[in-house]
Amino acid sequence: MAAQANAIDRTRRMLSLVTYLRERPGAHVADVARAFGVSEAELISDLDVLPLCGTSFRGGDLLDIDTDGDRIWWHNPDDVAAPLRLAADEATALLVAARAVSTLPGLREGDRQALLRVTAKLEAAAGEAAASSSRLSVTFEAEGGVFADVDRAISERRRLWLRYYSPARDELTEREVDPIRLFTVGHTYMEAWCRLSEDRRTFRLDRVAEIRVLDEVSAPPEIEVRDLSAGLVQPSADDPEVVIEVGPGGRWVAEYYPHDSAEELPDGGLRITLRTPDPASLRRLALRLGRDGRITAPAGLADSARAAARDALAAYEAQP
C-alpha cells in the first residue's frame, strides 16, 4: 500500500513533482506514481491541484498541467520558468503568512527553522515592504493549532488524546486515537483508529475542543485507505434505510445528501430514500428542516425526531 503522507509531505511531493514533470514531458501516469511511491489515484489528486498553482493567479502564470489518464502533459513550462519578481503587496503577504505559520504549535522544529531562514531571505530581498509587513500579524483560529498537532503526531507516530464534539449525540466525548492521515473535503478532517470504538473514525478538526500529543506510539492496524473521490459520505448497501419527506423548501436535502431515490410529491416536495450507518444523526436534519420536512421511516427514528422537536419547542417556550 502506498505510504500514507501527511499534509506537509504532500506539499513536498508536489513541489518535487513540478521539477520531475518539467524534465519528462508526456510521462506516463503509472511511471510517475511508481517513482513517487503513491497510488495512481493519489497522483491524479495532486495533478488536480497543480493547475491552481503558479507564480501568480493571472491565467498565464498558472501551471497548465493535465492528463488523459495515461500520460501527463505540461503545456507552459517555459512561461512559468522566469525568475519570480514579487510586488510589494505580494512580498508583504508572504512575510506575514510565513511569520504566522512559524508560530504554529506542533510545527516540526526542522520545518520551523527552514521557514525562518526563508523568511530572513525574503526580508532582505523585500526592502521597505519587509518593514511594513512587520506591523501586521495574523492569529490562527483554534483549528490551526489542532491541524499542527495532528500533523506532528502523524509525522512522529504518536497517539492523540481528544475531547471531541459529536453533533449526532450533541455531546463531548474523550478518546485516544492513532492518527492515519489529514484530508480536506469541504472541511479539514483527520482519519484515525479510535481506541474507544476500536474502529476507523473520521474527525472534523473544527469539532475538536481539546487535543494533546501523547508519548504512546501510534499503531493503527493495516487498513486500506478510503477512496474519497466520490465524497466523504459513501453509504453502504448494508446501512439502514431512512425515508424523509420534504416540501418545496426542503428540496436542497437531495442536493447535499447521497440518496438512493428522490420521488416527486404532488405539493412540489420530494420523498427521499437514503442510507446511513448512523440514522440517529439525521434527527438534527429533521430539526433543521422544521415544517419543511419530516422523517417517515423507520418508525423509531421518526418518533425520536418528533420527540426531539417537542423538547426543543418546550425549552424555547420556557425561556423568560
C-alpha atoms as a PDB file:
ATOM      1  CA  MET A   1       0.000   0.000   0.000  1.00  0.00           C
ATOM      2  CA  ALA A   2       1.330   3.486  -0.812  1.00  0.00           C
ATOM      3  CA  ALA A   3       2.839   5.378   2.088  1.00  0.00           C
ATOM      4  CA  GLN A   4       0.256   7.472   3.864  1.00  0.00           C
ATOM      5  CA  ALA A   5       1.514  11.045   3.666  1.00  0.00           C
ATOM      6  CA  ASN A   6       0.562  13.950   5.860  1.00  0.00           C
ATOM      7  CA  ALA A   7      -0.200  17.411   4.515  1.00  0.00           C
ATOM      8  CA  ILE A   8       3.371  18.715   4.658  1.00  0.00           C
ATOM      9  CA  ASP A   9       4.735  15.595   2.972  1.00  0.00           C
ATOM     10  CA  ARG A  10       2.174  16.018   0.194  1.00  0.00           C
ATOM     11  CA  THR A  11       3.297  19.619  -0.348  1.00  0.00           C
ATOM     12  CA  ARG A  12       6.912  18.477  -0.616  1.00  0.00           C
ATOM     13  CA  ARG A  13       5.909  15.761  -3.085  1.00  0.00           C
ATOM     14  CA  MET A  14       4.010  18.216  -5.272  1.00  0.00           C
ATOM     15  CA  LEU A  15       6.963  20.610  -5.376  1.00  0.00           C
ATOM     16  CA  SER A  16       9.188  17.736  -6.488  1.00  0.00           C
ATOM     17  CA  LEU A  17       6.535  16.652  -8.969  1.00  0.00           C
ATOM     18  CA  VAL A  18       6.762  20.001 -10.791  1.00  0.00           C
ATOM     19  CA  THR A  19      10.500  19.527 -11.396  1.00  0.00           C
ATOM     20  CA  TYR A  20      10.012  15.882 -12.338  1.00  0.00           C
ATOM     21  CA  LEU A  21       7.334  16.637 -14.934  1.00  0.00           C
ATOM     22  CA  ARG A  22       9.312  19.519 -16.445  1.00  0.00           C
ATOM     23  CA  GLU A  23      12.114  17.106 -17.262  1.00  0.00           C
ATOM     24  CA  ARG A  24       9.777  14.348 -18.539  1.00  0.00           C
ATOM     25  CA  PRO A  25       7.140  15.715 -20.943  1.00  0.00           C
ATOM     26  CA  GLY A  26       4.386  13.187 -21.645  1.00  0.00           C
ATOM     27  CA  ALA A  27       5.355  10.988 -18.691  1.00  0.00           C
ATOM     28  CA  HIS A  28       3.091   8.001 -18.061  1.00  0.00           C
ATOM     29  CA  VAL A  29       0.831   8.201 -15.002  1.00  0.00           C
ATOM     30  CA  ALA A  30       1.820   4.711 -13.840  1.00  0.00           C
ATOM     31  CA  ASP A  31       5.548   5.513 -14.086  1.00  0.00           C
ATOM     32  CA  VAL A  32       5.235   8.789 -12.160  1.00  0.00           C
ATOM     33  CA  ALA A  33       3.107   7.198  -9.429  1.00  0.00           C
ATOM     34  CA  ARG A  34       5.681   4.420  -9.055  1.00  0.00           C
ATOM     35  CA  ALA A  35       8.541   6.936  -8.879  1.00  0.00           C
ATOM     36  CA  PHE A  36       6.864   8.867  -6.063  1.00  0.00           C
ATOM     37  CA  GLY A  37       5.596   5.811  -4.187  1.00  0.00           C
ATOM     38  CA  VAL A  38       1.923   6.756  -4.388  1.00  0.00           C
ATOM     39  CA  SER A  39      -1.156   5.249  -5.967  1.00  0.00           C
ATOM     40  CA  GLU A  40      -2.351   6.479  -9.348  1.00  0.00           C
ATOM     41  CA  ALA A  41      -5.462   7.903  -7.650  1.00  0.00           C
ATOM     42  CA  GLU A  42      -3.277   9.941  -5.260  1.00  0.00           C
ATOM     43  CA  LEU A  43      -1.193  11.197  -8.170  1.00  0.00           C
ATOM     44  CA  ILE A  44      -4.306  12.252 -10.101  1.00  0.00           C
ATOM     45  CA  SER A  45      -5.455  14.105  -6.969  1.00  0.00           C
ATOM     46  CA  ASP A  46      -2.129  16.001  -6.933  1.00  0.00           C
ATOM     47  CA  LEU A  47      -2.493  16.788 -10.636  1.00  0.00           C
ATOM     48  CA  ASP A  48      -5.949  18.248  -9.965  1.00  0.00           C
ATOM     49  CA  VAL A  49      -4.362  20.732  -7.533  1.00  0.00           C
ATOM     50  CA  LEU A  50      -1.290  21.767  -9.551  1.00  0.00           C
ATOM     51  CA  PRO A  51      -3.243  23.836 -12.140  1.00  0.00           C
ATOM     52  CA  LEU A  52      -4.294  26.077  -9.230  1.00  0.00           C
ATOM     53  CA  CYS A  53      -0.625  26.859  -8.527  1.00  0.00           C
ATOM     54  CA  GLY A  54       1.785  29.208 -10.261  1.00  0.00           C
ATOM     55  CA  THR A  55       3.761  32.416  -9.929  1.00  0.00           C
ATOM     56  CA  SER A  56       0.552  34.460  -9.603  1.00  0.00           C
ATOM     57  CA  PHE A  57      -3.195  33.999 -10.041  1.00  0.00           C
ATOM     58  CA  ARG A  58      -3.162  35.527 -13.505  1.00  0.00           C
ATOM     59  CA  GLY A  59      -4.158  32.955 -16.124  1.00  0.00           C
ATOM     60  CA  GLY A  60      -0.834  32.694 -17.937  1.00  0.00           C
ATOM     61  CA  ASP A  61       1.105  32.321 -14.697  1.00  0.00           C
ATOM     62  CA  LEU A  62      -0.707  29.170 -13.529  1.00  0.00           C
ATOM     63  CA  LEU A  63       0.645  25.680 -14.276  1.00  0.00           C
ATOM     64  CA  ASP A  64      -1.101  24.328 -17.369  1.00  0.00           C
ATOM     65  CA  ILE A  65      -0.831  20.621 -16.491  1.00  0.00           C
ATOM     66  CA  ASP A  66      -3.351  17.977 -17.472  1.00  0.00           C
ATOM     67  CA  THR A  67      -3.634  14.247 -18.051  1.00  0.00           C
ATOM     68  CA  ASP A  68      -5.681  11.936 -20.221  1.00  0.00           C
ATOM     69  CA  GLY A  69      -5.425   9.225 -17.565  1.00  0.00           C
ATOM     70  CA  ASP A  70      -2.421   7.618 -19.249  1.00  0.00           C
ATOM     71  CA  ARG A  71       0.078  10.413 -19.850  1.00  0.00           C
ATOM     72  CA  ILE A  72       0.750  13.793 -18.236  1.00  0.00           C
ATOM     73  CA  TRP A  73       1.318  16.974 -20.236  1.00  0.00           C
ATOM     74  CA  TRP A  74       2.678  20.323 -19.071  1.00  0.00           C
ATOM     75  CA  HIS A  75       1.833  22.849 -21.766  1.00  0.00           C
ATOM     76  CA  ASN A  76       3.525  26.031 -20.467  1.00  0.00           C
ATOM     77  CA  PRO A  77       6.725  25.110 -18.593  1.00  0.00           C
ATOM     78  CA  ASP A  78       8.710  27.959 -20.191  1.00  0.00           C
ATOM     79  CA  ASP A  79       6.057  30.562 -19.348  1.00  0.00           C
ATOM     80  CA  VAL A  80       6.420  29.981 -15.603  1.00  0.00           C
ATOM     81  CA  ALA A  81      10.174  29.356 -15.543  1.00  0.00           C
ATOM     82  CA  ALA A  82      11.248  33.016 -15.492  1.00  0.00           C
ATOM     83  CA  PRO A  83      12.701  34.263 -12.159  1.00  0.00           C
ATOM     84  CA  LEU A  84       9.928  35.308  -9.804  1.00  0.00           C
ATOM     85  CA  ARG A  85       9.558  39.028  -9.077  1.00  0.00           C
ATOM     86  CA  LEU A  86       7.344  39.944  -6.148  1.00  0.00           C
ATOM     87  CA  ALA A  87       5.309  43.104  -5.979  1.00  0.00           C
ATOM     88  CA  ALA A  88       5.332  44.935  -2.640  1.00  0.00           C
ATOM     89  CA  ASP A  89       1.887  43.620  -1.653  1.00  0.00           C
ATOM     90  CA  GLU A  90       2.862  40.041  -2.578  1.00  0.00           C
ATOM     91  CA  ALA A  91       6.069  40.251  -0.509  1.00  0.00           C
ATOM     92  CA  THR A  92       4.129  41.655   2.437  1.00  0.00           C
ATOM     93  CA  ALA A  93       1.531  38.869   2.261  1.00  0.00           C
ATOM     94  CA  LEU A  94       4.239  36.196   2.088  1.00  0.00           C
ATOM     95  CA  LEU A  95       6.166  37.601   5.045  1.00  0.00           C
ATOM     96  CA  VAL A  96       3.081  37.952   7.244  1.00  0.00           C
ATOM     97  CA  ALA A  97       1.974  34.394   6.408  1.00  0.00           C
ATOM     98  CA  ALA A  98       5.456  32.945   6.941  1.00  0.00           C
ATOM     99  CA  ARG A  99       5.823  34.564  10.371  1.00  0.00           C
ATOM    100  CA  ALA A 100       2.354  33.353  11.370  1.00  0.00           C
ATOM    101  CA  VAL A 101       2.974  29.755  10.282  1.00  0.00           C
ATOM    102  CA  SER A 102       6.319  29.677  12.114  1.00  0.00           C
ATOM    103  CA  THR A 103       4.477  30.223  15.422  1.00  0.00           C
ATOM    104  CA  LEU A 104       2.072  27.307  14.984  1.00  0.00           C
ATOM    105  CA  PRO A 105       2.212  24.910  17.937  1.00  0.00           C
ATOM    106  CA  GLY A 106       3.270  21.413  16.945  1.00  0.00           C
ATOM    107  CA  LEU A 107       5.232  22.503  13.854  1.00  0.00           C
ATOM    108  CA  ARG A 108       8.299  20.307  13.437  1.00  0.00           C
ATOM    109  CA  GLU A 109      11.438  22.147  14.521  1.00  0.00           C
ATOM    110  CA  GLY A 110      13.250  21.376  11.261  1.00  0.00           C
ATOM    111  CA  ASP A 111      10.359  22.886   9.277  1.00  0.00           C
ATOM    112  CA  ARG A 112      10.236  25.900  11.601  1.00  0.00           C
ATOM    113  CA  GLN A 113      13.948  26.617  11.158  1.00  0.00           C
ATOM    114  CA  ALA A 114      13.687  26.220   7.368  1.00  0.00           C
ATOM    115  CA  LEU A 115      10.750  28.631   7.330  1.00  0.00           C
ATOM    116  CA  LEU A 116      12.659  31.183   9.419  1.00  0.00           C
ATOM    117  CA  ARG A 117      15.628  31.014   7.022  1.00  0.00           C
ATOM    118  CA  VAL A 118      13.351  31.608   4.041  1.00  0.00           C
ATOM    119  CA  THR A 119      11.671  34.495   5.889  1.00  0.00           C
ATOM    120  CA  ALA A 120      15.053  36.129   6.524  1.00  0.00           C
ATOM    121  CA  LYS A 121      15.942  35.905   2.824  1.00  0.00           C
ATOM    122  CA  LEU A 122      12.559  37.387   1.864  1.00  0.00           C
ATOM    123  CA  GLU A 123      13.055  40.258   4.311  1.00  0.00           C
ATOM    124  CA  ALA A 124      16.450  41.041   2.792  1.00  0.00           C
ATOM    125  CA  ALA A 125      15.038  40.998  -0.735  1.00  0.00           C
ATOM    126  CA  ALA A 126      11.831  42.884   0.057  1.00  0.00           C
ATOM    127  CA  GLY A 127      13.427  46.024   1.457  1.00  0.00           C
ATOM    128  CA  GLU A 128      10.769  48.560   2.502  1.00  0.00           C
ATOM    129  CA  ALA A 129       7.969  46.009   2.096  1.00  0.00           C
ATOM    130  CA  ALA A 130       9.561  43.982   4.887  1.00  0.00           C
ATOM    131  CA  ALA A 131       9.315  46.951   7.221  1.00  0.00           C
ATOM    132  CA  SER A 132       5.607  47.428   6.547  1.00  0.00           C
ATOM    133  CA  SER A 133       4.917  43.702   6.984  1.00  0.00           C
ATOM    134  CA  SER A 134       6.395  43.785  10.497  1.00  0.00           C
ATOM    135  CA  ARG A 135       3.455  45.972  11.588  1.00  0.00           C
ATOM    136  CA  LEU A 136       0.958  43.237  10.627  1.00  0.00           C
ATOM    137  CA  SER A 137       0.182  39.986  12.422  1.00  0.00           C
ATOM    138  CA  VAL A 138      -2.121  37.012  11.987  1.00  0.00           C
ATOM    139  CA  THR A 139      -3.739  34.929  14.724  1.00  0.00           C
ATOM    140  CA  PHE A 140      -4.860  31.455  13.697  1.00  0.00           C
ATOM    141  CA  GLU A 141      -8.204  30.042  14.769  1.00  0.00           C
ATOM    142  CA  ALA A 142      -8.070  27.018  17.075  1.00  0.00           C
ATOM    143  CA  GLU A 143      -8.301  24.665  14.085  1.00  0.00           C
ATOM    144  CA  GLY A 144      -4.809  25.773  13.010  1.00  0.00           C
ATOM    145  CA  GLY A 145      -3.315  24.503  16.263  1.00  0.00           C
ATOM    146  CA  VAL A 146      -5.275  21.248  16.010  1.00  0.00           C
ATOM    147  CA  PHE A 147      -4.000  20.747  12.473  1.00  0.00           C
ATOM    148  CA  ALA A 148      -0.406  21.277  13.588  1.00  0.00           C
ATOM    149  CA  ASP A 149      -0.749  18.806  16.472  1.00  0.00           C
ATOM    150  CA  VAL A 150      -2.311  16.163  14.229  1.00  0.00           C
ATOM    151  CA  ASP A 151       0.341  16.694  11.569  1.00  0.00           C
ATOM    152  CA  ARG A 152       3.069  16.381  14.197  1.00  0.00           C
ATOM    153  CA  ALA A 153       1.529  13.212  15.641  1.00  0.00           C
ATOM    154  CA  ILE A 154       1.372  11.608  12.186  1.00  0.00           C
ATOM    155  CA  SER A 155       4.990  12.545  11.474  1.00  0.00           C
ATOM    156  CA  GLU A 156       6.283  11.322  14.858  1.00  0.00           C
ATOM    157  CA  ARG A 157       3.952   8.289  15.036  1.00  0.00           C
ATOM    158  CA  ARG A 158       2.382   9.427  18.312  1.00  0.00           C
ATOM    159  CA  ARG A 159      -1.052   8.792  19.756  1.00  0.00           C
ATOM    160  CA  LEU A 160      -3.508  11.656  20.354  1.00  0.00           C
ATOM    161  CA  TRP A 161      -5.987  12.404  23.139  1.00  0.00           C
ATOM    162  CA  LEU A 162      -9.106  14.312  22.084  1.00  0.00           C
ATOM    163  CA  ARG A 163     -12.151  15.984  23.532  1.00  0.00           C
ATOM    164  CA  TYR A 164     -14.456  15.849  20.539  1.00  0.00           C
ATOM    165  CA  TYR A 165     -17.926  17.227  19.901  1.00  0.00           C
ATOM    166  CA  SER A 166     -20.317  14.730  18.328  1.00  0.00           C
ATOM    167  CA  PRO A 167     -23.251  16.584  16.705  1.00  0.00           C
ATOM    168  CA  ALA A 168     -25.233  13.357  16.323  1.00  0.00           C
ATOM    169  CA  ARG A 169     -25.332  12.903  20.120  1.00  0.00           C
ATOM    170  CA  ASP A 170     -24.847  16.588  20.961  1.00  0.00           C
ATOM    171  CA  GLU A 171     -22.129  15.764  23.488  1.00  0.00           C
ATOM    172  CA  LEU A 172     -18.398  15.959  24.125  1.00  0.00           C
ATOM    173  CA  THR A 173     -16.503  12.680  24.354  1.00  0.00           C
ATOM    174  CA  GLU A 174     -12.916  11.928  25.380  1.00  0.00           C
ATOM    175  CA  ARG A 175     -10.931   9.359  23.437  1.00  0.00           C
ATOM    176  CA  GLU A 176      -7.459   8.304  22.352  1.00  0.00           C
ATOM    177  CA  VAL A 177      -6.799   7.837  18.645  1.00  0.00           C
ATOM    178  CA  ASP A 178      -3.981   6.700  16.385  1.00  0.00           C
ATOM    179  CA  PRO A 179      -3.948   9.242  13.527  1.00  0.00           C
ATOM    180  CA  ILE A 180      -3.704   7.939   9.956  1.00  0.00           C
ATOM    181  CA  ARG A 181      -3.962  10.993   7.695  1.00  0.00           C
ATOM    182  CA  LEU A 182      -5.303  14.517   7.211  1.00  0.00           C
ATOM    183  CA  PHE A 183      -7.535  15.352   4.245  1.00  0.00           C
ATOM    184  CA  THR A 184      -9.908  18.046   3.082  1.00  0.00           C
ATOM    185  CA  VAL A 185     -13.389  17.557   1.657  1.00  0.00           C
ATOM    186  CA  GLY A 186     -15.059  20.912   2.224  1.00  0.00           C
ATOM    187  CA  HIS A 187     -13.721  20.879   5.823  1.00  0.00           C
ATOM    188  CA  THR A 188     -10.426  19.505   7.118  1.00  0.00           C
ATOM    189  CA  TYR A 189     -10.629  16.032   8.666  1.00  0.00           C
ATOM    190  CA  MET A 190      -8.411  13.527  10.433  1.00  0.00           C
ATOM    191  CA  GLU A 191      -8.830   9.852   9.706  1.00  0.00           C
ATOM    192  CA  ALA A 192      -7.749   7.782  12.715  1.00  0.00           C
ATOM    193  CA  TRP A 193      -8.098   4.479  14.510  1.00  0.00           C
ATOM    194  CA  CYS A 194     -10.254   5.221  17.564  1.00  0.00           C
ATOM    195  CA  ARG A 195      -9.254   3.275  20.677  1.00  0.00           C
ATOM    196  CA  LEU A 196     -12.659   3.968  22.256  1.00  0.00           C
ATOM    197  CA  SER A 197     -14.662   2.276  19.495  1.00  0.00           C
ATOM    198  CA  GLU A 198     -11.809   0.066  18.183  1.00  0.00           C
ATOM    199  CA  ASP A 199     -12.685   1.091  14.643  1.00  0.00           C
ATOM    200  CA  ARG A 200     -11.719   3.615  11.981  1.00  0.00           C
ATOM    201  CA  ARG A 201     -13.277   7.019  12.562  1.00  0.00           C
ATOM    202  CA  THR A 202     -13.217  10.414  10.844  1.00  0.00           C
ATOM    203  CA  PHE A 203     -12.924  13.587  12.958  1.00  0.00           C
ATOM    204  CA  ARG A 204     -13.647  17.116  11.733  1.00  0.00           C
ATOM    205  CA  LEU A 205     -10.917  19.391  13.072  1.00  0.00           C
ATOM    206  CA  ASP A 206     -13.185  22.313  13.944  1.00  0.00           C
ATOM    207  CA  ARG A 207     -15.104  19.991  16.300  1.00  0.00           C
ATOM    208  CA  VAL A 208     -12.003  19.140  18.357  1.00  0.00           C
ATOM    209  CA  ALA A 209     -12.422  21.025  21.649  1.00  0.00           C
ATOM    210  CA  GLU A 210      -9.072  19.966  23.110  1.00  0.00           C
ATOM    211  CA  ILE A 211      -6.108  17.921  21.884  1.00  0.00           C
ATOM    212  CA  ARG A 212      -2.860  16.540  23.315  1.00  0.00           C
ATOM    213  CA  VAL A 213       0.002  14.647  21.674  1.00  0.00           C
ATOM    214  CA  LEU A 214       0.752  11.630  23.884  1.00  0.00           C
ATOM    215  CA  ASP A 215       4.004   9.746  24.451  1.00  0.00           C
ATOM    216  CA  GLU A 216       2.456   6.436  23.402  1.00  0.00           C
ATOM    217  CA  VAL A 217       3.405   5.145  19.963  1.00  0.00           C
ATOM    218  CA  SER A 218       0.654   5.344  17.368  1.00  0.00           C
ATOM    219  CA  ALA A 219      -0.009   1.891  15.945  1.00  0.00           C
ATOM    220  CA  PRO A 220      -3.148   1.828  13.778  1.00  0.00           C
ATOM    221  CA  PRO A 221      -3.876  -1.547  12.174  1.00  0.00           C
ATOM    222  CA  GLU A 222      -3.087  -2.032   8.498  1.00  0.00           C
ATOM    223  CA  ILE A 223      -6.244  -0.842   6.759  1.00  0.00           C
ATOM    224  CA  GLU A 224      -6.936   0.195   3.199  1.00  0.00           C
ATOM    225  CA  VAL A 225      -7.070   3.957   2.679  1.00  0.00           C
ATOM    226  CA  ARG A 226     -10.557   5.021   1.634  1.00  0.00           C
ATOM    227  CA  ASP A 227     -11.021   6.467  -1.851  1.00  0.00           C
ATOM    228  CA  LEU A 228     -12.731   9.816  -1.241  1.00  0.00           C
ATOM    229  CA  SER A 229     -13.099  10.796  -4.892  1.00  0.00           C
ATOM    230  CA  ALA A 230     -16.867  10.189  -4.601  1.00  0.00           C
ATOM    231  CA  GLY A 231     -17.124  12.295  -1.440  1.00  0.00           C
ATOM    232  CA  LEU A 232     -16.743  11.843   2.287  1.00  0.00           C
ATOM    233  CA  VAL A 233     -20.125  10.199   2.850  1.00  0.00           C
ATOM    234  CA  GLN A 234     -20.373   6.951   0.913  1.00  0.00           C
ATOM    235  CA  PRO A 235     -23.275   4.901   2.285  1.00  0.00           C
ATOM    236  CA  SER A 236     -23.124   1.132   2.107  1.00  0.00           C
ATOM    237  CA  ALA A 237     -25.891  -1.070   0.770  1.00  0.00           C
ATOM    238  CA  ASP A 238     -25.922  -2.709   4.207  1.00  0.00           C
ATOM    239  CA  ASP A 239     -26.645   0.585   6.040  1.00  0.00           C
ATOM    240  CA  PRO A 240     -30.163   1.161   7.440  1.00  0.00           C
ATOM    241  CA  GLU A 241     -32.637   2.840   5.085  1.00  0.00           C
ATOM    242  CA  VAL A 242     -34.238   6.158   6.073  1.00  0.00           C
ATOM    243  CA  VAL A 243     -37.144   7.884   4.288  1.00  0.00           C
ATOM    244  CA  ILE A 244     -37.554  11.650   4.524  1.00  0.00           C
ATOM    245  CA  GLU A 245     -40.409  13.637   3.009  1.00  0.00           C
ATOM    246  CA  VAL A 246     -39.640  17.298   2.319  1.00  0.00           C
ATOM    247  CA  GLY A 247     -41.695  20.163   0.989  1.00  0.00           C
ATOM    248  CA  PRO A 248     -40.529  22.593  -1.721  1.00  0.00           C
ATOM    249  CA  GLY A 249     -38.398  24.423   0.845  1.00  0.00           C
ATOM    250  CA  GLY A 250     -36.519  21.229   1.698  1.00  0.00           C
ATOM    251  CA  ARG A 251     -35.581  20.036  -1.790  1.00  0.00           C
ATOM    252  CA  TRP A 252     -31.962  21.058  -1.049  1.00  0.00           C
ATOM    253  CA  VAL A 253     -31.618  17.846   1.012  1.00  0.00           C
ATOM    254  CA  ALA A 254     -31.446  15.820  -2.221  1.00  0.00           C
ATOM    255  CA  GLU A 255     -28.535  18.001  -3.387  1.00  0.00           C
ATOM    256  CA  TYR A 256     -26.472  17.653  -0.207  1.00  0.00           C
ATOM    257  CA  TYR A 257     -27.150  14.057   0.917  1.00  0.00           C
ATOM    258  CA  PRO A 258     -26.278  10.959  -1.154  1.00  0.00           C
ATOM    259  CA  HIS A 259     -29.528   9.057  -1.689  1.00  0.00           C
ATOM    260  CA  ASP A 260     -30.962   6.018  -3.415  1.00  0.00           C
ATOM    261  CA  SER A 261     -34.042   7.751  -4.809  1.00  0.00           C
ATOM    262  CA  ALA A 262     -35.936  11.055  -4.798  1.00  0.00           C
ATOM    263  CA  GLU A 263     -39.604  10.700  -5.733  1.00  0.00           C
ATOM    264  CA  GLU A 264     -41.592  13.797  -6.699  1.00  0.00           C
ATOM    265  CA  LEU A 265     -44.592  14.593  -4.465  1.00  0.00           C
ATOM    266  CA  PRO A 266     -47.809  16.403  -5.552  1.00  0.00           C
ATOM    267  CA  ASP A 267     -47.009  19.505  -3.453  1.00  0.00           C
ATOM    268  CA  GLY A 268     -43.654  20.037  -5.191  1.00  0.00           C
ATOM    269  CA  GLY A 269     -41.681  18.257  -2.499  1.00  0.00           C
ATOM    270  CA  LEU A 270     -39.704  15.029  -2.539  1.00  0.00           C
ATOM    271  CA  ARG A 271     -39.769  11.634  -0.866  1.00  0.00           C
ATOM    272  CA  ILE A 272     -36.060  10.905  -0.380  1.00  0.00           C
ATOM    273  CA  THR A 273     -34.748   7.443   0.419  1.00  0.00           C
ATOM    274  CA  LEU A 274     -31.184   7.279   1.698  1.00  0.00           C
ATOM    275  CA  ARG A 275     -28.880   5.051   3.727  1.00  0.00           C
ATOM    276  CA  THR A 276     -26.687   5.980   6.652  1.00  0.00           C
ATOM    277  CA  PRO A 277     -24.614   3.992   9.172  1.00  0.00           C
ATOM    278  CA  ASP A 278     -25.943   6.276  11.946  1.00  0.00           C
ATOM    279  CA  PRO A 279     -29.658   7.038  11.415  1.00  0.00           C
ATOM    280  CA  ALA A 280     -29.813   8.949  14.724  1.00  0.00           C
ATOM    281  CA  SER A 281     -27.572  11.611  13.190  1.00  0.00           C
ATOM    282  CA  LEU A 282     -30.489  12.630  10.948  1.00  0.00           C
ATOM    283  CA  ARG A 283     -32.515  13.902  13.917  1.00  0.00           C
ATOM    284  CA  ARG A 284     -30.629  17.188  13.639  1.00  0.00           C
ATOM    285  CA  LEU A 285     -31.562  17.360   9.960  1.00  0.00           C
ATOM    286  CA  ALA A 286     -35.225  16.929  10.900  1.00  0.00           C
ATOM    287  CA  LEU A 287     -34.971  19.759  13.440  1.00  0.00           C
ATOM    288  CA  ARG A 288     -33.265  21.969  10.861  1.00  0.00           C
ATOM    289  CA  LEU A 289     -35.995  21.289   8.291  1.00  0.00           C
ATOM    290  CA  GLY A 290     -38.798  22.184  10.702  1.00  0.00           C
ATOM    291  CA  ARG A 291     -42.073  22.438   8.804  1.00  0.00           C
ATOM    292  CA  ASP A 292     -40.234  21.792   5.505  1.00  0.00           C
ATOM    293  CA  GLY A 293     -39.639  18.118   6.187  1.00  0.00           C
ATOM    294  CA  ARG A 294     -40.119  15.055   8.364  1.00  0.00           C
ATOM    295  CA  ILE A 295     -38.690  11.563   8.785  1.00  0.00           C
ATOM    296  CA  THR A 296     -41.304   8.923   7.934  1.00  0.00           C
ATOM    297  CA  ALA A 297     -39.267   5.716   8.319  1.00  0.00           C
ATOM    298  CA  PRO A 298     -38.065   3.854  10.237  1.00  0.00           C
ATOM    299  CA  ALA A 299     -40.833   4.410  12.777  1.00  0.00           C
ATOM    300  CA  GLY A 300     -38.498   4.533  15.789  1.00  0.00           C
ATOM    301  CA  LEU A 301     -36.380   7.274  14.261  1.00  0.00           C
ATOM    302  CA  ALA A 302     -39.481   9.229  13.213  1.00  0.00           C
ATOM    303  CA  ASP A 303     -40.788   9.066  16.797  1.00  0.00           C
ATOM    304  CA  SER A 304     -37.465  10.181  18.282  1.00  0.00           C
ATOM    305  CA  ALA A 305     -37.252  13.083  15.796  1.00  0.00           C
ATOM    306  CA  ARG A 306     -40.743  14.260  16.821  1.00  0.00           C
ATOM    307  CA  ALA A 307     -39.798  13.950  20.496  1.00  0.00           C
ATOM    308  CA  ALA A 308     -36.630  15.988  19.914  1.00  0.00           C
ATOM    309  CA  ALA A 309     -38.698  18.676  18.170  1.00  0.00           C
ATOM    310  CA  ARG A 310     -41.165  18.802  21.083  1.00  0.00           C
ATOM    311  CA  ASP A 311     -38.314  19.064  23.593  1.00  0.00           C
ATOM    312  CA  ALA A 312     -36.690  21.880  21.616  1.00  0.00           C
ATOM    313  CA  LEU A 313     -40.010  23.756  21.434  1.00  0.00           C
ATOM    314  CA  ALA A 314     -40.652  23.294  25.160  1.00  0.00           C
ATOM    315  CA  ALA A 315     -37.163  24.573  26.001  1.00  0.00           C
ATOM    316  CA  TYR A 316     -37.729  27.613  23.798  1.00  0.00           C
ATOM    317  CA  GLU A 317     -41.141  28.413  25.342  1.00  0.00           C
ATOM    318  CA  ALA A 318     -39.687  28.027  28.859  1.00  0.00           C
ATOM    319  CA  GLN A 319     -37.204  30.830  28.284  1.00  0.00           C
ATOM    320  CA  PRO A 320     -38.095  34.065  30.126  1.00  0.00           C
END
